[in-house]
Amino acid sequence: MNCRIPVTVAVFLLALTVFSEGFELRCQCIKKESRFIHPKRLLNVELFPSGPHCKDAEVIATLKTGEKICLEPTAPWVKIIIKKILESSQPAGTTTSDN
């Protein structure tokens, strides 16, 4: 009996597991926080636009304690943070237009 096919499938599945490490294929945020968090408590804020992995844009804040919190993108104070992130990521000399 030829065992080449099961070995090939096993190697393929192992490679798929290794190479997909670190890629989230679903939404990362289950619960979103809308209450204000003072900027002094924030270490980092990441913006993940909507896409095939998740229909909603996600904003994930890392606190100075190391805790990660999902922020509600529609909260007014979070909108300000998103605007600053987008402005800082644009090349010099370009502007944003509010629609």
N, C-alpha and C. Protein backbone atom coordinates (compact mmCIF):
# COMPACT_ATOMS: atom_id res chain seq x y z
N MET A 1 0.84 -1.18 0.00
CA MET A 1 0.00 0.00 0.00
C MET A 1 0.88 1.25 0.00
N ASN A 2 0.49 2.23 -0.77
CA ASN A 2 1.28 3.44 -0.92
C ASN A 2 0.90 4.45 0.17
N CYS A 3 1.89 4.87 0.95
CA CYS A 3 1.62 5.82 2.03
C CYS A 3 2.04 7.24 1.65
N ARG A 4 2.34 7.45 0.39
CA ARG A 4 2.80 8.76 -0.07
C ARG A 4 1.71 9.83 0.06
N ILE A 5 0.48 9.51 -0.25
CA ILE A 5 -0.61 10.49 -0.20
C ILE A 5 -0.88 10.96 1.23
N PRO A 6 -1.05 10.04 2.20
CA PRO A 6 -1.28 10.52 3.58
C PRO A 6 -0.11 11.35 4.12
N VAL A 7 1.11 11.01 3.77
CA VAL A 7 2.27 11.78 4.22
C VAL A 7 2.25 13.16 3.58
N THR A 8 1.93 13.23 2.29
CA THR A 8 1.86 14.51 1.59
C THR A 8 0.78 15.40 2.20
N VAL A 9 -0.37 14.83 2.49
CA VAL A 9 -1.46 15.59 3.10
C VAL A 9 -1.04 16.08 4.49
N ALA A 10 -0.39 15.24 5.27
CA ALA A 10 0.06 15.63 6.60
C ALA A 10 1.07 16.78 6.54
N VAL A 11 2.01 16.70 5.61
CA VAL A 11 3.01 17.76 5.44
C VAL A 11 2.32 19.06 5.01
N PHE A 12 1.36 18.96 4.09
CA PHE A 12 0.63 20.14 3.64
C PHE A 12 -0.12 20.80 4.79
N LEU A 13 -0.82 20.01 5.60
CA LEU A 13 -1.57 20.56 6.73
C LEU A 13 -0.65 21.19 7.76
N LEU A 14 0.50 20.57 8.00
CA LEU A 14 1.47 21.13 8.94
C LEU A 14 2.01 22.46 8.42
N ALA A 15 2.33 22.52 7.13
CA ALA A 15 2.82 23.76 6.53
C ALA A 15 1.75 24.85 6.58
N LEU A 16 0.52 24.48 6.31
CA LEU A 16 -0.59 25.44 6.37
C LEU A 16 -0.73 26.01 7.78
N THR A 17 -0.61 25.17 8.77
CA THR A 17 -0.70 25.61 10.16
C THR A 17 0.43 26.57 10.51
N VAL A 18 1.65 26.24 10.10
CA VAL A 18 2.81 27.07 10.41
C VAL A 18 2.71 28.42 9.71
N PHE A 19 2.37 28.43 8.43
CA PHE A 19 2.34 29.67 7.67
C PHE A 19 1.15 30.56 7.99
N SER A 20 0.08 30.01 8.53
CA SER A 20 -1.07 30.83 8.89
C SER A 20 -0.96 31.37 10.30
N GLU A 21 0.09 31.03 11.01
CA GLU A 21 0.32 31.52 12.37
C GLU A 21 0.39 33.04 12.37
N GLY A 22 -0.37 33.69 13.23
CA GLY A 22 -0.35 35.14 13.32
C GLY A 22 -1.37 35.84 12.45
N PHE A 23 -2.07 35.13 11.61
CA PHE A 23 -3.10 35.73 10.77
C PHE A 23 -4.46 35.44 11.37
N GLU A 24 -5.17 36.50 11.75
CA GLU A 24 -6.52 36.34 12.28
C GLU A 24 -7.49 36.29 11.11
N LEU A 25 -8.31 35.27 11.06
CA LEU A 25 -9.26 35.12 9.97
C LEU A 25 -10.68 35.43 10.43
N ARG A 26 -10.80 36.12 11.57
CA ARG A 26 -12.11 36.50 12.08
C ARG A 26 -11.95 37.80 12.88
N CYS A 27 -13.06 38.35 13.30
CA CYS A 27 -13.02 39.58 14.10
C CYS A 27 -12.27 39.31 15.41
N GLN A 28 -11.49 40.29 15.85
CA GLN A 28 -10.74 40.15 17.09
C GLN A 28 -11.53 40.67 18.28
N CYS A 29 -12.49 41.55 18.02
CA CYS A 29 -13.24 42.20 19.10
C CYS A 29 -14.61 41.56 19.29
N ILE A 30 -14.85 41.08 20.50
CA ILE A 30 -16.16 40.56 20.85
C ILE A 30 -16.94 41.64 21.59
N LYS A 31 -16.27 42.26 22.57
CA LYS A 31 -16.87 43.32 23.36
C LYS A 31 -16.10 44.61 23.08
N LYS A 32 -16.82 45.72 22.89
CA LYS A 32 -16.19 47.00 22.59
C LYS A 32 -16.48 47.99 23.70
N GLU A 33 -15.45 48.70 24.12
CA GLU A 33 -15.54 49.67 25.20
C GLU A 33 -15.77 51.06 24.63
N SER A 34 -16.80 51.76 25.12
CA SER A 34 -17.06 53.12 24.64
C SER A 34 -16.75 54.17 25.71
N ARG A 35 -16.56 53.72 26.96
CA ARG A 35 -16.23 54.68 28.02
C ARG A 35 -14.84 55.27 27.78
N PHE A 36 -14.69 56.54 28.13
CA PHE A 36 -13.44 57.26 27.91
C PHE A 36 -12.30 56.62 28.70
N ILE A 37 -11.16 56.48 28.04
CA ILE A 37 -9.92 56.02 28.68
C ILE A 37 -8.91 57.15 28.52
N HIS A 38 -8.35 57.59 29.62
CA HIS A 38 -7.42 58.72 29.57
C HIS A 38 -6.20 58.35 28.73
N PRO A 39 -5.76 59.27 27.86
CA PRO A 39 -4.61 58.99 26.99
C PRO A 39 -3.33 58.60 27.74
N LYS A 40 -3.19 59.03 28.98
CA LYS A 40 -2.01 58.67 29.77
C LYS A 40 -1.96 57.17 30.05
N ARG A 41 -3.12 56.51 30.00
CA ARG A 41 -3.17 55.07 30.25
C ARG A 41 -2.90 54.25 29.00
N LEU A 42 -2.90 54.91 27.82
CA LEU A 42 -2.73 54.20 26.55
C LEU A 42 -1.26 54.09 26.16
N LEU A 43 -0.86 52.91 25.77
CA LEU A 43 0.48 52.68 25.26
C LEU A 43 0.47 52.72 23.73
N ASN A 44 -0.55 52.11 23.14
CA ASN A 44 -0.62 52.00 21.68
C ASN A 44 -2.09 51.84 21.27
N VAL A 45 -2.42 52.35 20.09
CA VAL A 45 -3.76 52.15 19.52
C VAL A 45 -3.58 51.71 18.08
N GLU A 46 -4.23 50.60 17.72
CA GLU A 46 -4.15 50.06 16.36
C GLU A 46 -5.52 50.10 15.71
N LEU A 47 -5.52 50.46 14.44
CA LEU A 47 -6.75 50.53 13.66
C LEU A 47 -6.71 49.43 12.61
N PHE A 48 -7.73 48.56 12.62
CA PHE A 48 -7.85 47.49 11.64
C PHE A 48 -9.10 47.75 10.81
N PRO A 49 -8.94 48.14 9.54
CA PRO A 49 -10.12 48.41 8.71
C PRO A 49 -10.93 47.15 8.46
N SER A 50 -12.19 47.35 8.09
CA SER A 50 -13.02 46.19 7.77
C SER A 50 -12.46 45.51 6.52
N GLY A 51 -12.76 44.24 6.40
CA GLY A 51 -12.25 43.47 5.27
C GLY A 51 -12.86 42.09 5.27
N PRO A 52 -12.25 41.16 4.53
CA PRO A 52 -12.81 39.81 4.45
C PRO A 52 -12.78 39.08 5.79
N HIS A 53 -11.87 39.47 6.68
CA HIS A 53 -11.76 38.82 7.98
C HIS A 53 -12.84 39.28 8.95
N CYS A 54 -13.31 40.54 8.77
CA CYS A 54 -14.29 41.10 9.70
C CYS A 54 -15.03 42.23 9.00
N LYS A 55 -16.35 42.27 9.12
CA LYS A 55 -17.14 43.29 8.44
C LYS A 55 -17.04 44.65 9.11
N ASP A 56 -16.59 44.69 10.36
CA ASP A 56 -16.48 45.94 11.11
C ASP A 56 -15.04 46.38 11.24
N ALA A 57 -14.82 47.70 11.21
CA ALA A 57 -13.50 48.23 11.54
C ALA A 57 -13.27 48.00 13.03
N GLU A 58 -12.04 47.69 13.40
CA GLU A 58 -11.73 47.42 14.80
C GLU A 58 -10.62 48.35 15.27
N VAL A 59 -10.79 48.86 16.49
CA VAL A 59 -9.79 49.72 17.12
C VAL A 59 -9.38 49.02 18.41
N ILE A 60 -8.10 48.65 18.49
CA ILE A 60 -7.61 47.91 19.65
C ILE A 60 -6.55 48.75 20.35
N ALA A 61 -6.81 49.05 21.62
CA ALA A 61 -5.88 49.84 22.43
C ALA A 61 -5.11 48.92 23.36
N THR A 62 -3.82 49.17 23.48
CA THR A 62 -2.99 48.48 24.45
C THR A 62 -2.72 49.46 25.58
N LEU A 63 -3.12 49.08 26.79
CA LEU A 63 -2.89 49.93 27.94
C LEU A 63 -1.46 49.77 28.43
N LYS A 64 -1.00 50.70 29.26
CA LYS A 64 0.36 50.62 29.79
C LYS A 64 0.54 49.39 30.68
N THR A 65 -0.56 48.81 31.16
CA THR A 65 -0.50 47.59 31.95
C THR A 65 -0.30 46.35 31.08
N GLY A 66 -0.42 46.54 29.74
CA GLY A 66 -0.29 45.42 28.82
C GLY A 66 -1.62 44.85 28.38
N GLU A 67 -2.69 45.26 29.03
CA GLU A 67 -4.03 44.78 28.68
C GLU A 67 -4.47 45.36 27.34
N LYS A 68 -5.11 44.53 26.52
CA LYS A 68 -5.63 44.98 25.23
C LYS A 68 -7.14 45.12 25.35
N ILE A 69 -7.64 46.26 24.85
CA ILE A 69 -9.07 46.57 24.93
C ILE A 69 -9.56 46.98 23.55
N CYS A 70 -10.70 46.44 23.16
CA CYS A 70 -11.33 46.86 21.91
C CYS A 70 -12.17 48.10 22.19
N LEU A 71 -11.97 49.12 21.36
CA LEU A 71 -12.70 50.37 21.52
C LEU A 71 -13.83 50.45 20.51
N GLU A 72 -14.91 51.10 20.91
CA GLU A 72 -16.06 51.30 20.04
C GLU A 72 -15.74 52.40 19.03
N PRO A 73 -15.61 52.07 17.74
CA PRO A 73 -15.21 53.06 16.74
C PRO A 73 -16.18 54.23 16.59
N THR A 74 -17.44 54.08 17.03
CA THR A 74 -18.41 55.16 16.88
C THR A 74 -18.42 56.11 18.08
N ALA A 75 -17.70 55.79 19.15
CA ALA A 75 -17.63 56.69 20.31
C ALA A 75 -16.89 57.97 19.90
N PRO A 76 -17.40 59.14 20.32
CA PRO A 76 -16.78 60.40 19.89
C PRO A 76 -15.29 60.50 20.17
N TRP A 77 -14.84 60.08 21.35
CA TRP A 77 -13.42 60.20 21.69
C TRP A 77 -12.58 59.23 20.87
N VAL A 78 -13.15 58.09 20.48
CA VAL A 78 -12.43 57.12 19.65
C VAL A 78 -12.33 57.65 18.22
N LYS A 79 -13.37 58.34 17.76
CA LYS A 79 -13.32 58.94 16.42
C LYS A 79 -12.16 59.93 16.31
N ILE A 80 -11.91 60.68 17.38
CA ILE A 80 -10.79 61.63 17.39
C ILE A 80 -9.47 60.89 17.26
N ILE A 81 -9.32 59.79 17.99
CA ILE A 81 -8.10 58.98 17.91
C ILE A 81 -7.92 58.43 16.50
N ILE A 82 -9.00 57.91 15.92
CA ILE A 82 -8.93 57.36 14.56
C ILE A 82 -8.49 58.44 13.58
N LYS A 83 -9.07 59.64 13.71
CA LYS A 83 -8.71 60.74 12.82
C LYS A 83 -7.22 61.06 12.94
N LYS A 84 -6.69 61.09 14.16
CA LYS A 84 -5.27 61.39 14.36
C LYS A 84 -4.38 60.29 13.77
N ILE A 85 -4.80 59.03 13.91
CA ILE A 85 -4.04 57.92 13.33
C ILE A 85 -4.00 58.06 11.81
N LEU A 86 -5.15 58.33 11.21
CA LEU A 86 -5.22 58.46 9.76
C LEU A 86 -4.42 59.66 9.26
N GLU A 87 -4.48 60.77 9.98
CA GLU A 87 -3.71 61.95 9.59
C GLU A 87 -2.21 61.70 9.68
N SER A 88 -1.78 60.99 10.71
CA SER A 88 -0.35 60.74 10.88
C SER A 88 0.18 59.71 9.90
N SER A 89 -0.71 58.91 9.31
CA SER A 89 -0.25 57.89 8.36
C SER A 89 -0.22 58.39 6.93
N GLN A 90 -0.69 59.62 6.69
CA GLN A 90 -0.69 60.18 5.34
C GLN A 90 0.66 60.80 5.01
N PRO A 91 1.09 60.70 3.76
CA PRO A 91 2.33 61.36 3.34
C PRO A 91 2.19 62.88 3.48
N ALA A 92 3.31 63.55 3.69
CA ALA A 92 3.30 65.00 3.84
C ALA A 92 2.73 65.65 2.59
N GLY A 93 1.94 66.71 2.78
CA GLY A 93 1.40 67.45 1.65
C GLY A 93 0.04 66.98 1.19
N THR A 94 -0.49 65.89 1.77
CA THR A 94 -1.82 65.44 1.39
C THR A 94 -2.81 65.82 2.47
N THR A 95 -4.06 65.94 2.12
CA THR A 95 -5.09 66.30 3.09
C THR A 95 -6.23 65.31 3.02
N THR A 96 -7.00 65.27 4.11
CA THR A 96 -8.19 64.42 4.11
C THR A 96 -9.40 65.30 3.87
N SER A 97 -10.42 64.72 3.30
CA SER A 97 -11.67 65.47 3.11
C SER A 97 -12.77 64.72 3.83
N ASP A 98 -13.54 65.44 4.60
CA ASP A 98 -14.66 64.83 5.32
C ASP A 98 -15.84 64.71 4.38
N ASN A 99 -16.40 63.50 4.28
CA ASN A 99 -17.56 63.28 3.41
C ASN A 99 -18.82 63.27 4.22
